[in-house]
Protein backbone atom coordinates (compact mmCIF):
# COMPACT_ATOMS: atom_id res chain seq x y z
CA LEU A 1 111.32 79.51 91.10
CA ALA A 2 108.18 77.44 90.51
CA THR A 3 106.90 80.04 88.04
CA GLU A 4 110.17 79.95 86.10
CA LEU A 5 110.11 76.16 86.05
CA ALA A 6 106.49 76.16 84.87
CA LEU A 7 107.45 78.36 81.93
CA ALA A 8 110.73 76.65 81.05
CA SER A 9 110.44 73.00 82.13
CA PRO A 10 106.97 72.11 83.45
CA ARG A 11 107.80 68.40 83.74
CA THR A 12 110.09 69.15 86.67
CA LEU A 13 107.00 70.10 88.70
CA GLN A 14 105.49 66.62 88.50
CA THR A 15 107.37 64.93 91.35
CA PRO A 16 104.95 64.10 94.21
CA ALA A 17 106.71 66.33 96.74
CA ILE A 18 106.82 69.40 94.49
CA ARG A 19 103.27 68.86 93.26
CA ALA A 20 102.00 68.68 96.86
CA ARG A 21 103.70 71.99 97.68
CA LEU A 22 102.31 73.65 94.57
CA GLU A 23 98.79 72.40 95.30
CA ALA A 24 99.03 73.95 98.77
CA THR A 25 100.21 77.20 97.18
CA LEU A 26 97.44 77.29 94.57
CA ALA A 27 94.84 76.65 97.29
CA ALA A 28 95.76 80.03 98.78
CA PRO A 29 93.06 82.71 99.12
CA LEU A 30 92.67 85.16 96.24
CA SER A 31 93.93 87.86 98.61
CA ALA A 32 97.10 85.93 99.52
CA PRO A 33 100.38 87.83 99.11
CA GLY A 34 103.20 86.59 96.92
CA GLY A 35 103.37 85.22 93.40
CA VAL A 36 100.41 82.82 93.42
CA GLY A 37 98.82 84.60 90.44
CA SER A 38 101.98 84.54 88.32
CA LEU A 39 102.47 80.84 89.07
CA ALA A 40 98.85 80.07 88.15
CA LEU A 41 99.15 82.00 84.89
CA ALA A 42 102.38 80.20 84.01
CA LEU A 43 100.71 76.81 84.54
CA VAL A 44 97.69 77.75 82.42
CA ALA A 45 99.66 79.42 79.63
CA ARG A 46 101.55 76.31 78.47
CA PRO A 47 99.44 73.54 76.89
CA GLU A 48 101.46 70.78 78.55
CA SER A 49 101.12 72.14 82.08
CA ALA A 50 97.52 73.26 81.47
CA GLU A 51 96.65 69.69 80.54
CA ARG A 52 98.15 68.32 83.77
CA TRP A 53 97.06 71.02 86.20
CA LEU A 54 93.80 72.32 84.73
CA HIS A 55 92.06 70.12 82.17
CA ARG A 56 92.58 66.78 83.93
CA ALA A 57 91.74 68.25 87.31
CA ALA A 58 88.50 69.72 85.91
CA VAL A 59 87.14 66.19 85.33
CA GLY A 60 88.49 64.72 88.58
CA GLY A 61 87.12 64.50 92.10
CA LEU A 62 85.77 67.42 94.08
CA ALA A 63 89.14 68.48 95.50
CA ASP A 64 90.71 68.42 92.01
CA ARG A 65 87.85 70.39 90.46
CA ARG A 66 88.01 72.98 93.20
CA LEU A 67 91.76 73.35 92.68
CA ALA A 68 91.18 73.75 88.93
CA GLY A 69 88.67 76.50 89.62
CA ARG A 70 91.06 78.31 91.94
CA LEU A 71 93.83 77.97 89.36
CA LEU A 72 91.65 79.66 86.73
CA ALA A 73 90.60 82.46 89.08
CA HIS A 74 94.18 83.20 90.19
CA ALA A 75 95.44 83.07 86.59
CA ALA A 76 92.67 85.28 85.17
CA ARG A 77 93.18 87.95 87.84
CA GLU A 78 96.93 87.95 87.23
CA ALA A 79 96.55 88.22 83.44
CA VAL A 80 94.20 91.18 83.68
CA ARG A 81 96.20 92.82 86.46
CA ALA A 82 99.37 92.67 84.34
CA GLY A 83 97.57 94.58 81.59
CA ASP A 84 98.88 92.44 78.73
CA VAL A 85 95.60 92.14 76.81
CA VAL A 86 97.13 90.31 73.86
CA THR A 87 98.63 87.56 76.04
CA ALA A 88 95.49 87.30 78.13
CA ARG A 89 93.38 86.80 75.03
CA GLU A 90 95.81 84.24 73.60
CA VAL A 91 95.72 82.22 76.82
CA PHE A 92 92.11 82.37 77.94
CA LEU A 93 90.16 82.61 74.71
CA GLN A 94 91.68 79.49 73.16
CA ALA A 95 89.21 76.63 72.84
CA PRO A 96 90.61 74.21 75.49
CA ILE A 97 90.76 76.85 78.25
CA ASP A 98 87.32 78.21 77.36
CA ALA A 99 85.84 74.71 77.35
CA THR A 100 87.31 73.92 80.77
CA LEU A 101 86.10 77.21 82.21
CA ARG A 102 82.58 76.43 81.03
CA ARG A 103 82.78 72.89 82.38
CA LEU A 104 83.74 74.21 85.82
CA LEU A 105 81.09 76.94 85.60
CA ALA A 106 78.44 74.25 85.11
CA ASP A 107 79.69 72.19 88.06
CA ARG A 108 77.00 71.35 90.62
CA GLU A 109 79.21 72.29 93.58
CA ALA A 110 79.36 75.95 94.59
CA MET A 111 82.92 75.56 95.87
CA VAL A 112 83.89 74.77 92.26
CA TRP A 113 81.71 77.00 90.08
CA ARG A 114 82.25 80.13 92.16
CA PHE A 115 85.91 80.28 91.10
CA ALA A 116 85.03 79.71 87.44
CA ALA A 117 82.43 82.47 87.75
CA ILE A 118 85.08 84.79 89.21
CA ALA A 119 87.38 84.02 86.27
CA ARG A 120 84.54 84.70 83.81
CA GLY A 121 83.77 88.02 85.47
CA VAL A 122 87.40 89.15 85.40
CA LEU A 123 87.75 88.13 81.75
CA ALA A 124 84.50 89.82 80.67
CA GLN A 125 86.35 93.00 79.72
CA LEU A 126 88.47 90.99 77.26
CA ASP A 127 85.69 89.07 75.57
CA ALA A 128 82.30 90.35 74.47
CA ASP A 129 80.87 86.82 74.55
CA TYR A 130 81.60 86.46 78.25
CA ALA A 131 80.08 89.89 78.92
CA ALA A 132 76.93 89.07 76.95
CA GLU A 133 76.65 85.71 78.70
CA ILE A 134 76.81 87.32 82.14
CA GLU A 135 74.09 89.81 81.24
CA ARG A 136 71.88 87.05 79.81
CA ASP A 137 72.38 84.77 82.80
CA LEU A 138 71.66 87.57 85.26
CA HIS A 139 68.15 87.87 83.83
CA ALA A 140 67.56 84.14 83.33
CA THR A 141 64.46 82.57 84.87
CA ASN A 142 66.11 79.40 86.20
CA ALA A 143 67.82 79.30 89.59
CA ASP A 144 71.39 78.34 88.68
CA ALA A 145 72.38 80.82 85.97
CA PRO A 146 71.59 84.00 87.97
CA ARG A 147 73.65 82.77 90.94
CA ARG A 148 76.70 82.20 88.77
CA ALA A 149 76.09 85.54 87.08
CA ALA A 150 75.91 87.25 90.48
CA THR A 151 79.42 86.02 91.32
CA SER A 152 80.69 87.11 87.89
CA VAL A 153 79.11 90.57 88.19
CA VAL A 154 80.90 91.30 91.46
CA ALA A 155 84.18 89.84 90.19
CA ALA A 156 83.91 92.02 87.06
CA SER A 157 83.68 95.11 89.29
CA GLU A 158 87.36 94.70 90.12
CA ARG A 159 88.64 95.84 86.74
CA THR A 160 85.84 97.28 84.63
CA SER A 161 83.03 99.81 84.91
CA MET A 162 80.78 97.77 82.62
CA SER A 163 79.48 95.96 85.69
CA ASN A 164 77.74 99.08 87.06
CA ARG A 165 74.50 98.39 85.20
CA TRP A 166 74.78 94.71 86.09
CA ARG A 167 75.20 95.62 89.75
CA ALA A 168 71.96 97.63 89.74
CA ALA A 169 70.12 94.69 88.19
CA LEU A 170 71.69 92.31 90.70
CA LEU A 171 70.64 94.38 93.72
CA SER A 172 67.14 94.74 92.34
CA ARG A 173 66.77 91.02 91.81
CA ALA A 174 68.35 90.19 95.17
CA GLN A 175 65.41 91.92 96.88
CA LYS A 176 63.22 89.11 95.53
CA ASP A 177 65.77 86.28 95.67
CA PRO A 178 68.08 86.60 98.73
CA SER A 179 70.08 83.54 97.65
CA LEU A 180 71.74 85.71 95.00
CA THR A 181 73.44 87.70 97.74
CA ARG A 182 75.31 84.59 98.89
CA ALA A 183 76.69 84.06 95.38
CA ALA A 184 77.51 87.75 94.94
CA ILE A 185 79.50 88.00 98.18
CA SER A 186 81.50 84.90 97.22
CA GLY A 187 82.94 86.90 94.31
CA LEU A 188 83.90 89.95 96.35
CA ALA A 189 87.57 89.26 97.16
CA GLY A 190 89.11 90.89 94.09
CA LEU A 191 87.11 94.12 94.41
CA ALA A 192 87.91 94.27 98.14
CA LEU A 193 91.62 94.18 97.29
CA THR A 194 91.49 96.91 94.66
CA ASN A 195 88.76 99.15 96.12
CA SER A 196 87.92 98.18 99.68
CA ARG A 197 85.49 101.06 100.22
CA ASP A 198 83.41 100.16 97.18
CA ALA A 199 83.46 96.48 98.15
CA ASP A 200 82.39 97.28 101.70
CA GLU A 201 79.53 99.46 100.49
CA LEU A 202 78.33 96.77 98.09
CA ALA A 203 78.59 94.07 100.76
CA THR A 204 76.57 96.23 103.17
CA ARG A 205 73.78 96.58 100.63
CA LEU A 206 73.85 92.83 99.99
CA VAL A 207 73.62 92.09 103.73
CA LYS A 208 70.58 94.34 104.03
CA ALA A 209 68.96 92.66 101.03
CA GLY A 210 69.89 89.06 101.76
CA GLY A 211 69.62 88.61 105.49
CA PHE A 212 70.79 85.18 106.60
CA ASP A 213 72.14 84.15 103.16
CA ALA A 214 74.33 87.25 102.94
CA VAL A 215 75.44 87.19 106.58
CA GLU A 216 76.58 83.57 106.40
CA ALA A 217 78.33 84.23 103.07
CA LEU A 218 80.16 87.24 104.53
CA ALA A 219 81.33 85.17 107.50
CA ASP A 220 82.56 82.49 105.08
CA LEU A 221 84.39 85.10 103.00
CA ARG A 222 86.08 86.65 106.04
CA ARG A 223 87.18 83.21 107.18
CA GLU A 224 88.57 82.28 103.77
CA GLU A 225 90.05 85.69 102.93
CA PRO A 226 91.29 87.01 106.31
CA GLU A 227 93.22 89.87 104.71
CA LEU A 228 90.07 91.64 103.54
CA LEU A 229 88.88 94.75 105.36
CA LEU A 230 85.10 95.07 105.27
CA PRO A 231 84.25 96.94 108.49
CA ASP A 232 80.85 98.44 107.64
CA SER A 233 79.36 95.29 106.13
CA THR A 234 80.74 93.20 109.00
CA ARG A 235 79.11 95.58 111.45
CA ALA A 236 75.81 95.41 109.55
CA ALA A 237 75.97 91.62 109.52
CA LEU A 238 76.69 91.52 113.25
CA VAL A 239 73.77 93.85 113.99
CA TRP A 240 71.47 91.61 111.93
CA THR A 241 72.72 88.50 113.74
CA GLN A 242 72.33 90.03 117.20
CA ARG A 243 68.80 91.14 116.33
CA GLU A 244 67.95 87.61 115.20
CA LEU A 245 69.41 86.17 118.41
CA ALA A 246 67.37 88.57 120.52
CA SER A 247 64.14 87.41 118.87
CA ASP A 248 65.12 83.72 118.62
CA ASP A 249 62.47 81.44 120.13
CA GLN A 250 65.00 78.58 120.64
CA ARG A 251 62.73 76.08 118.86
CA ASP A 252 65.39 75.27 116.26
CA ASP A 253 68.59 74.24 118.05
CA GLY A 254 70.59 74.21 114.82
CA LYS A 255 69.55 77.72 113.84
CA SER A 256 70.22 79.05 117.35
CA ALA A 257 73.70 77.49 117.43
CA LEU A 258 74.55 78.84 113.99
CA LEU A 259 73.45 82.36 114.95
CA ARG A 260 75.67 82.24 118.04
CA LEU A 261 78.62 81.05 115.96
CA LEU A 262 78.06 83.78 113.38
CA ALA A 263 77.88 86.42 116.09
CA ALA A 264 81.14 85.17 117.60
CA GLU A 265 82.92 85.13 114.23
CA LEU A 266 81.66 88.52 113.11
CA SER A 267 82.75 90.07 116.40
CA ASP A 268 86.18 88.40 116.00
CA GLN A 269 85.66 86.38 119.16
CA PRO A 270 85.45 82.75 118.01
CA GLY A 271 85.00 80.22 120.77
CA PRO A 272 87.81 77.89 121.91
CA ASP A 273 86.26 75.00 119.96
CA ALA A 274 85.91 76.93 116.67
CA LEU A 275 87.51 75.08 113.78
CA GLY A 276 88.13 78.11 111.55
CA PRO A 277 91.09 79.54 113.52
CA LYS A 278 92.73 76.12 113.66
CA ILE A 279 92.56 75.75 109.88
CA ALA A 280 93.74 79.36 109.45
CA ALA A 281 96.78 78.52 111.58
CA VAL A 282 97.72 75.85 109.05
CA ARG A 283 97.54 78.33 106.19
CA THR A 284 99.52 80.96 108.09
CA ALA A 285 102.30 78.49 108.87
CA LEU A 286 102.43 77.32 105.25
CA ASP A 287 102.64 80.90 103.96
CA ALA A 288 105.56 81.48 106.33
CA GLY A 289 107.34 78.32 105.13
CA ASP A 290 107.00 76.71 108.56
CA LEU A 291 106.24 73.13 107.52
CA ALA A 292 106.65 71.72 111.02
CA GLY A 293 104.27 74.33 112.42
CA ALA A 294 101.78 73.68 109.63
CA SER A 295 101.91 69.95 110.25
CA HIS A 296 101.31 70.46 113.97
CA ALA A 297 98.40 72.85 113.37
CA ALA A 298 96.92 70.45 110.81
CA ALA A 299 97.09 67.57 113.30
CA ILE A 300 95.16 69.66 115.84
CA ALA A 301 92.51 70.55 113.24
CA VAL A 302 92.18 66.94 112.07
CA ASP A 303 91.79 65.74 115.68
CA GLU A 304 89.04 68.30 116.18
CA ILE A 305 87.25 67.13 113.02
CA ALA A 306 87.63 63.47 114.02
CA SER A 307 86.15 64.22 117.44
CA ALA A 308 83.19 65.95 115.82
CA VAL A 309 82.63 63.01 113.46
CA ASP A 310 82.75 60.57 116.37
CA TRP A 311 80.24 62.67 118.30
CA LEU A 312 77.90 62.81 115.30
CA ALA A 313 78.22 59.04 114.84
CA SER A 314 77.34 58.43 118.48
CA CYS A 315 74.34 60.75 118.21
CA SER A 316 73.17 58.93 115.07
CA SER A 317 73.50 55.57 116.83
CA GLY A 318 71.55 56.88 119.76
CA TRP A 319 68.70 58.12 117.60
CA ALA A 320 68.66 54.81 115.70
CA ALA A 321 68.30 52.95 118.96
CA VAL A 322 65.35 55.13 119.95
């Protein structure tokens, strides 16, 4: 219904209640079932709704920019999946959409630019300029461009074979710069949906090349995209984490705690105080249309966060007194 309204009468989606529901929908993982992609494409395709949902959000606060990035990623994947090349070109290669994509791609926050990089990677098969840009950025000497290119390379693997040579270059460079593996894994959701074996093999190689960066990124991806099946790379990440724990000298409390949390998550045994499952419960209830259940789960998660903030504040006060 929302998709039909976005195509026929986008102004009807601007009431606060409907907008809040749509924002929750568009914040869904890339692997979420349902018509999130078709809704995102409908919002981007019409100039009026694109102005409200994409262009304005792209210059807003962090939450708005992140939503704009997700909107682009969902819409780009849907356009390419549908196979309508003409429509995809008409929508995404017009100047306003291209300018907003590039604005989001240049954002300083990874939680924003990663989604723009995914959109660029998916659209690379439609536009030679995007493809050339990815290849150029992958070999750039600065730190930022290769990371964004790494996400685009993996995202491009979902729909096109042109990324094969990029993948080889990425893995070669990741041996020298493990931080690239974090960015690459963040773009893995689409490939994992269309070719889970290939995605799992690539993720395993990235874990072996990236160590901590890749392991933490894989845990983040599994938490955000719970529908993905990546058994071999998860096992490799768990083995790496357990090996690090076995040799941990306990001198860095933060590192030791993080390794224990990663081991628990990767073995699908999060502790009772873990925040991830509580937030996931909110998403699950929303997907099922259970607003009361989602509200209850959100209240539990917020209480947990508030308790953590209070604890950190008390620790900070204590250190200040010392």
